[in-house]
């Protein structure tokens, strides 16, 4: 998705992993994805730069769709995943 579409996207659940170092955000994403149904969107908020690489790889590996990442004005990343299974 392009950044404008991500800005307008309303996630079904938000996981706050701010201040958590790798692998914390990934572990939070794994727990959080269980809280949404197939087709719904999970947003992970992370201040760890490694999350930008780790979350997309994990999502693809387990059958979810990585929609993209936005950088918030406050300096953290907002990553979006659509649950696939």
N, C-alpha and C. Protein backbone atom coordinates (compact mmCIF):
# COMPACT_ATOMS: atom_id res chain seq x y z
N UNK A 1 0.85 -1.18 0.00
CA UNK A 1 0.00 0.00 0.00
C UNK A 1 0.89 1.24 0.00
N UNK A 2 0.37 2.31 -0.59
CA UNK A 2 1.16 3.53 -0.56
C UNK A 2 0.93 4.26 0.77
N UNK A 3 1.81 5.22 1.12
CA UNK A 3 1.71 5.90 2.42
C UNK A 3 0.36 6.55 2.69
N UNK A 4 -0.27 7.12 1.67
CA UNK A 4 -1.58 7.76 1.88
C UNK A 4 -2.63 6.74 2.30
N UNK A 5 -2.60 5.58 1.66
CA UNK A 5 -3.55 4.52 2.02
C UNK A 5 -3.30 4.03 3.44
N UNK A 6 -2.02 3.91 3.81
CA UNK A 6 -1.70 3.48 5.18
C UNK A 6 -2.15 4.52 6.20
N UNK A 7 -1.98 5.80 5.88
CA UNK A 7 -2.41 6.87 6.79
C UNK A 7 -3.91 6.78 7.07
N UNK A 8 -4.69 6.41 6.05
CA UNK A 8 -6.14 6.34 6.18
C UNK A 8 -6.63 5.02 6.76
N UNK A 9 -5.74 4.04 6.88
CA UNK A 9 -6.11 2.71 7.33
C UNK A 9 -6.41 2.71 8.83
N UNK A 10 -7.54 2.14 9.20
CA UNK A 10 -7.90 1.99 10.60
C UNK A 10 -7.62 0.55 11.01
N UNK A 11 -6.55 0.30 11.78
CA UNK A 11 -6.25 -1.07 12.18
C UNK A 11 -7.31 -1.62 13.12
N UNK A 12 -7.47 -2.93 13.10
CA UNK A 12 -8.42 -3.57 13.99
C UNK A 12 -7.84 -3.74 15.40
N UNK A 13 -6.51 -3.75 15.47
CA UNK A 13 -5.84 -3.86 16.77
C UNK A 13 -4.48 -3.18 16.64
N UNK A 14 -4.04 -2.54 17.74
CA UNK A 14 -2.73 -1.88 17.79
C UNK A 14 -1.91 -2.52 18.90
N UNK A 15 -0.67 -2.89 18.57
CA UNK A 15 0.27 -3.44 19.55
C UNK A 15 1.34 -2.38 19.78
N UNK A 16 1.52 -1.98 21.04
CA UNK A 16 2.51 -0.98 21.40
C UNK A 16 3.77 -1.69 21.89
N UNK A 17 4.81 -1.70 21.03
CA UNK A 17 6.09 -2.30 21.40
C UNK A 17 7.17 -1.22 21.50
N UNK A 18 6.75 0.01 21.76
CA UNK A 18 7.69 1.12 21.87
C UNK A 18 8.64 0.88 23.04
N UNK A 19 9.92 1.13 22.81
CA UNK A 19 10.92 0.95 23.85
C UNK A 19 11.41 -0.48 24.00
N UNK A 20 10.82 -1.39 23.27
CA UNK A 20 11.20 -2.80 23.33
C UNK A 20 12.25 -3.08 22.25
N UNK A 21 13.33 -3.73 22.65
CA UNK A 21 14.39 -4.08 21.68
C UNK A 21 14.11 -5.44 21.07
N UNK A 22 14.70 -5.67 19.91
CA UNK A 22 14.55 -6.93 19.20
C UNK A 22 14.97 -8.09 20.12
N UNK A 23 14.21 -9.14 20.23
CA UNK A 23 13.06 -9.55 19.43
C UNK A 23 11.71 -9.15 20.03
N UNK A 24 11.69 -8.22 20.98
CA UNK A 24 10.45 -7.83 21.65
C UNK A 24 9.30 -7.47 20.72
N UNK A 25 9.50 -6.56 19.76
CA UNK A 25 8.40 -6.20 18.86
C UNK A 25 7.86 -7.39 18.07
N UNK A 26 8.75 -8.28 17.66
CA UNK A 26 8.30 -9.46 16.92
C UNK A 26 7.47 -10.37 17.81
N UNK A 27 7.90 -10.56 19.05
CA UNK A 27 7.12 -11.38 19.98
C UNK A 27 5.76 -10.76 20.25
N UNK A 28 5.72 -9.43 20.37
CA UNK A 28 4.44 -8.74 20.57
C UNK A 28 3.54 -8.89 19.35
N UNK A 29 4.13 -8.84 18.16
CA UNK A 29 3.35 -9.03 16.93
C UNK A 29 2.77 -10.44 16.87
N UNK A 30 3.56 -11.42 17.25
CA UNK A 30 3.08 -12.81 17.26
C UNK A 30 1.89 -12.97 18.20
N UNK A 31 1.98 -12.33 19.38
CA UNK A 31 0.86 -12.40 20.32
C UNK A 31 -0.34 -11.62 19.79
N UNK A 32 -0.08 -10.44 19.23
CA UNK A 32 -1.14 -9.55 18.76
C UNK A 32 -1.93 -10.10 17.60
N UNK A 33 -1.28 -10.85 16.71
CA UNK A 33 -1.98 -11.35 15.52
C UNK A 33 -3.08 -12.33 15.92
N UNK A 34 -2.94 -12.95 17.07
CA UNK A 34 -3.99 -13.84 17.58
C UNK A 34 -5.25 -13.09 17.99
N UNK A 35 -5.14 -11.78 18.16
CA UNK A 35 -6.27 -10.98 18.58
C UNK A 35 -7.08 -10.40 17.43
N UNK A 36 -6.71 -10.74 16.20
CA UNK A 36 -7.47 -10.29 15.03
C UNK A 36 -7.87 -11.51 14.21
N UNK A 37 -8.96 -11.39 13.47
CA UNK A 37 -9.42 -12.50 12.65
C UNK A 37 -8.83 -12.38 11.24
N UNK A 38 -8.94 -13.44 10.47
CA UNK A 38 -8.43 -13.45 9.10
C UNK A 38 -9.02 -12.28 8.32
N UNK A 39 -8.15 -11.53 7.66
CA UNK A 39 -8.57 -10.37 6.88
C UNK A 39 -8.49 -9.06 7.64
N UNK A 40 -8.35 -9.12 8.96
CA UNK A 40 -8.24 -7.89 9.75
C UNK A 40 -6.78 -7.43 9.80
N UNK A 41 -6.59 -6.17 10.24
CA UNK A 41 -5.27 -5.55 10.21
C UNK A 41 -4.75 -5.28 11.62
N UNK A 42 -3.50 -5.66 11.81
CA UNK A 42 -2.77 -5.41 13.06
C UNK A 42 -1.73 -4.33 12.79
N UNK A 43 -1.66 -3.35 13.69
CA UNK A 43 -0.61 -2.33 13.61
C UNK A 43 0.36 -2.57 14.76
N UNK A 44 1.65 -2.60 14.45
CA UNK A 44 2.68 -2.73 15.47
C UNK A 44 3.43 -1.41 15.52
N UNK A 45 3.54 -0.84 16.71
CA UNK A 45 4.29 0.40 16.89
C UNK A 45 5.62 0.04 17.54
N UNK A 46 6.71 0.43 16.90
CA UNK A 46 8.04 0.04 17.37
C UNK A 46 9.05 1.15 17.18
N UNK A 47 9.95 1.28 18.15
CA UNK A 47 11.06 2.24 18.04
C UNK A 47 12.36 1.51 17.74
N UNK A 48 12.32 0.20 17.57
CA UNK A 48 13.51 -0.59 17.25
C UNK A 48 13.69 -0.67 15.74
N UNK A 49 14.80 -0.16 15.19
CA UNK A 49 14.97 -0.15 13.74
C UNK A 49 14.97 -1.54 13.10
N UNK A 50 15.34 -2.57 13.84
CA UNK A 50 15.35 -3.93 13.30
C UNK A 50 13.97 -4.45 12.96
N UNK A 51 12.96 -3.84 13.53
CA UNK A 51 11.58 -4.27 13.29
C UNK A 51 11.20 -4.10 11.82
N UNK A 52 11.75 -3.08 11.17
CA UNK A 52 11.44 -2.83 9.75
C UNK A 52 11.80 -4.02 8.86
N UNK A 53 12.81 -4.77 9.26
CA UNK A 53 13.22 -5.94 8.48
C UNK A 53 12.56 -7.21 9.01
N UNK A 54 12.51 -7.34 10.32
CA UNK A 54 12.03 -8.59 10.93
C UNK A 54 10.55 -8.86 10.74
N UNK A 55 9.71 -7.87 10.90
CA UNK A 55 8.26 -8.06 10.81
C UNK A 55 7.83 -8.50 9.40
N UNK A 56 8.29 -7.83 8.32
CA UNK A 56 7.88 -8.29 6.98
C UNK A 56 8.30 -9.73 6.68
N UNK A 57 9.51 -10.09 7.10
CA UNK A 57 10.00 -11.46 6.86
C UNK A 57 9.13 -12.46 7.60
N UNK A 58 8.85 -12.19 8.86
CA UNK A 58 8.01 -13.08 9.67
C UNK A 58 6.61 -13.19 9.06
N UNK A 59 6.01 -12.05 8.68
CA UNK A 59 4.65 -12.05 8.14
C UNK A 59 4.56 -12.95 6.90
N UNK A 60 5.49 -12.78 5.99
CA UNK A 60 5.49 -13.58 4.76
C UNK A 60 5.68 -15.07 5.08
N UNK A 61 6.59 -15.35 5.99
CA UNK A 61 6.92 -16.74 6.35
C UNK A 61 5.72 -17.49 6.90
N UNK A 62 4.88 -16.79 7.68
CA UNK A 62 3.75 -17.47 8.31
C UNK A 62 2.41 -17.26 7.60
N UNK A 63 2.42 -16.59 6.45
CA UNK A 63 1.21 -16.49 5.64
C UNK A 63 0.36 -15.25 5.83
N UNK A 64 0.94 -14.19 6.40
CA UNK A 64 0.21 -12.93 6.53
C UNK A 64 0.72 -11.95 5.48
N UNK A 65 -0.03 -10.89 5.24
CA UNK A 65 0.35 -9.89 4.24
C UNK A 65 0.89 -8.64 4.93
N UNK A 66 2.15 -8.32 4.65
CA UNK A 66 2.73 -7.09 5.16
C UNK A 66 2.27 -5.95 4.27
N UNK A 67 1.56 -4.99 4.85
CA UNK A 67 0.97 -3.90 4.06
C UNK A 67 1.91 -2.71 3.90
N UNK A 68 2.82 -2.53 4.86
CA UNK A 68 3.75 -1.42 4.75
C UNK A 68 4.10 -0.83 6.10
N UNK A 69 4.92 0.21 6.05
CA UNK A 69 5.38 0.88 7.27
C UNK A 69 5.30 2.39 7.08
N UNK A 70 4.94 3.07 8.14
CA UNK A 70 4.93 4.53 8.18
C UNK A 70 5.80 4.98 9.35
N UNK A 71 6.46 6.11 9.18
CA UNK A 71 7.19 6.69 10.31
C UNK A 71 6.30 7.75 10.93
N UNK A 72 6.01 7.59 12.20
CA UNK A 72 5.17 8.55 12.93
C UNK A 72 5.97 9.83 13.20
N UNK A 73 5.26 10.93 13.35
CA UNK A 73 5.91 12.21 13.65
C UNK A 73 6.75 12.11 14.92
N UNK A 74 6.33 11.26 15.83
CA UNK A 74 7.00 11.12 17.12
C UNK A 74 8.28 10.29 17.03
N UNK A 75 8.59 9.75 15.83
CA UNK A 75 9.85 9.07 15.64
C UNK A 75 9.82 7.55 15.73
N UNK A 76 8.66 6.96 15.82
CA UNK A 76 8.60 5.50 15.83
C UNK A 76 7.97 5.00 14.54
N UNK A 77 8.10 3.69 14.31
CA UNK A 77 7.53 3.07 13.11
C UNK A 77 6.17 2.49 13.40
N UNK A 78 5.29 2.57 12.40
CA UNK A 78 3.97 1.95 12.44
C UNK A 78 3.93 0.93 11.31
N UNK A 79 3.92 -0.36 11.67
CA UNK A 79 3.94 -1.43 10.69
C UNK A 79 2.56 -2.07 10.65
N UNK A 80 2.10 -2.41 9.45
CA UNK A 80 0.75 -2.93 9.26
C UNK A 80 0.79 -4.31 8.64
N UNK A 81 0.05 -5.23 9.25
CA UNK A 81 -0.04 -6.62 8.76
C UNK A 81 -1.50 -7.01 8.67
N UNK A 82 -1.85 -7.62 7.54
CA UNK A 82 -3.20 -8.18 7.38
C UNK A 82 -3.09 -9.67 7.66
N UNK A 83 -3.91 -10.14 8.59
CA UNK A 83 -3.87 -11.56 8.94
C UNK A 83 -4.34 -12.40 7.76
N UNK A 84 -3.53 -13.41 7.44
CA UNK A 84 -3.83 -14.24 6.29
C UNK A 84 -4.38 -15.62 6.61
N UNK A 85 -4.16 -16.10 7.81
CA UNK A 85 -4.66 -17.42 8.16
C UNK A 85 -4.86 -17.54 9.65
